[in-house]
Amino acid sequence: MEGRNFLRMIAEVAGLLALPAPALARAPRSVLLQVSLVAGFQYHEGERLWSDLAESDALALVREPENPYDSRAVRVDWRGRKLGYVPRVENTAIAQMLDRGERLEVRSPRFDRPAIGGSG
């Protein structure tokens, strides 16, 4: 991406933040914050549930501040079952947002079924 395009994108975001309240009320409420793999997918119920997951299924993020391995742990659940975790190197911002009570919507992405356990 060229530097000027990146700066233009930053300016557009900054412009959105400067909008008056009525304009913000009309602004889109969904913002893509992050795309991550699910850590530990193979150790929890992820592989067993893989064939049941569909594109755009709602996923839940659950904070685990008492997790003995990572105080910023964020579990990824689907229909009340643990798929795994947001990777440790990517969980800080999400953990902070959840700790502040912010509402985050998480969806399963488009994926290629043969990639798990298959040869291609």
Protein backbone atom coordinates (compact mmCIF):
# COMPACT_ATOMS: atom_id res chain seq x y z
CA MET A 1 0.00 0.00 0.00
CA GLU A 2 1.39 3.40 -0.89
CA GLY A 3 2.06 5.78 1.99
CA ARG A 4 -0.45 8.36 0.79
CA ASN A 5 -3.24 5.76 0.62
CA PHE A 6 -2.44 4.69 4.17
CA LEU A 7 -2.53 8.32 5.33
CA ARG A 8 -5.79 8.90 3.49
CA MET A 9 -7.29 5.93 5.29
CA ILE A 10 -6.08 7.32 8.64
CA ALA A 11 -7.56 10.72 7.76
CA GLU A 12 -10.90 9.15 6.92
CA VAL A 13 -10.98 7.34 10.26
CA ALA A 14 -9.97 10.53 12.07
CA GLY A 15 -12.69 12.40 10.19
CA LEU A 16 -15.26 9.88 11.37
CA LEU A 17 -14.22 10.48 14.97
CA ALA A 18 -14.70 14.21 14.49
CA LEU A 19 -18.27 13.91 13.21
CA PRO A 20 -21.07 15.50 15.27
CA ALA A 21 -23.24 13.13 17.35
CA PRO A 22 -26.15 12.90 14.82
CA ALA A 23 -23.72 11.90 12.06
CA LEU A 24 -22.14 9.28 14.31
CA ALA A 25 -25.58 7.80 14.97
CA ARG A 26 -25.88 7.14 11.22
CA ALA A 27 -22.31 5.82 10.89
CA PRO A 28 -21.81 2.08 10.45
CA ARG A 29 -21.46 0.30 13.76
CA SER A 30 -19.49 -2.72 12.56
CA VAL A 31 -15.73 -2.39 12.30
CA LEU A 32 -13.34 -5.24 11.54
CA LEU A 33 -10.79 -5.11 14.34
CA GLN A 34 -8.87 -8.30 13.91
CA VAL A 35 -8.64 -11.59 12.08
CA SER A 36 -6.99 -14.36 14.09
CA LEU A 37 -6.48 -18.07 14.10
CA VAL A 38 -7.80 -20.01 17.08
CA ALA A 39 -4.95 -21.21 19.28
CA GLY A 40 -5.35 -24.70 20.72
CA PHE A 41 -8.04 -25.60 18.16
CA GLN A 42 -6.73 -29.17 17.98
CA TYR A 43 -6.64 -29.60 21.78
CA HIS A 44 -10.20 -28.53 22.58
CA GLU A 45 -13.43 -29.22 20.67
CA GLY A 46 -12.44 -27.38 17.50
CA GLU A 47 -11.49 -30.35 15.33
CA ARG A 48 -14.46 -32.41 16.51
CA LEU A 49 -16.89 -29.57 15.73
CA TRP A 50 -15.18 -28.47 12.49
CA SER A 51 -17.73 -30.05 10.15
CA ASP A 52 -20.61 -28.36 12.02
CA LEU A 53 -19.20 -24.82 11.80
CA ALA A 54 -20.61 -22.64 9.04
CA GLU A 55 -19.40 -19.40 7.54
CA SER A 56 -20.53 -16.39 9.61
CA ASP A 57 -21.59 -18.47 12.63
CA ALA A 58 -21.59 -16.36 15.78
CA LEU A 59 -18.68 -17.07 18.11
CA ALA A 60 -18.37 -15.92 21.72
CA LEU A 61 -15.31 -14.39 23.35
CA VAL A 62 -15.00 -15.24 27.03
CA ARG A 63 -12.40 -13.63 29.30
CA GLU A 64 -10.41 -15.94 31.54
CA PRO A 65 -8.44 -13.56 33.79
CA GLU A 66 -7.68 -16.43 36.19
CA ASN A 67 -6.17 -18.59 33.43
CA PRO A 68 -2.91 -19.99 34.89
CA TYR A 69 -1.07 -19.69 31.55
CA ASP A 70 -2.15 -16.20 30.45
CA SER A 71 -3.88 -13.51 32.55
CA ARG A 72 -5.14 -11.92 29.30
CA ALA A 73 -6.64 -15.19 28.01
CA VAL A 74 -9.70 -14.89 25.78
CA ARG A 75 -11.51 -18.15 25.07
CA VAL A 76 -13.36 -18.67 21.77
CA ASP A 77 -16.65 -20.56 22.15
CA TRP A 78 -19.21 -21.76 19.64
CA ARG A 79 -22.64 -22.72 20.95
CA GLY A 80 -21.23 -23.01 24.46
CA ARG A 81 -18.32 -25.24 23.47
CA LYS A 82 -14.66 -24.26 23.66
CA LEU A 83 -12.93 -24.09 20.30
CA GLY A 84 -9.69 -22.64 21.68
CA TYR A 85 -8.25 -19.20 22.44
CA VAL A 86 -7.33 -15.93 20.78
CA PRO A 87 -3.55 -16.31 20.34
CA ARG A 88 -1.57 -14.85 23.26
CA VAL A 89 0.34 -12.45 21.00
CA GLU A 90 -2.97 -11.02 19.71
CA ASN A 91 -5.21 -10.98 22.80
CA THR A 92 -4.23 -7.79 24.67
CA ALA A 93 -6.59 -5.33 22.96
CA ILE A 94 -9.48 -7.80 22.94
CA ALA A 95 -8.99 -8.62 26.63
CA GLN A 96 -8.95 -4.90 27.49
CA MET A 97 -12.10 -4.25 25.50
CA LEU A 98 -13.92 -7.15 27.15
CA ASP A 99 -12.73 -5.99 30.58
CA ARG A 100 -14.28 -2.56 29.86
CA GLY A 101 -17.57 -4.27 29.02
CA GLU A 102 -17.46 -3.45 25.33
CA ARG A 103 -19.65 -5.57 23.08
CA LEU A 104 -17.69 -7.48 20.46
CA GLU A 105 -19.31 -9.50 17.70
CA VAL A 106 -17.28 -12.41 16.39
CA ARG A 107 -18.05 -14.49 13.33
CA SER A 108 -16.42 -17.54 11.83
CA PRO A 109 -14.76 -16.65 8.53
CA ARG A 110 -15.07 -18.23 5.13
CA PHE A 111 -12.94 -21.34 5.18
CA ASP A 112 -11.96 -24.28 3.03
CA ARG A 113 -13.13 -27.51 4.70
CA PRO A 114 -10.41 -29.85 3.31
CA ALA A 115 -7.69 -27.74 5.00
CA ILE A 116 -8.25 -29.44 8.39
CA GLY A 117 -6.88 -32.96 8.54
CA GLY A 118 -6.95 -33.27 4.74
CA SER A 119 -4.19 -33.34 2.20
CA GLY A 120 -5.26 -30.26 0.34
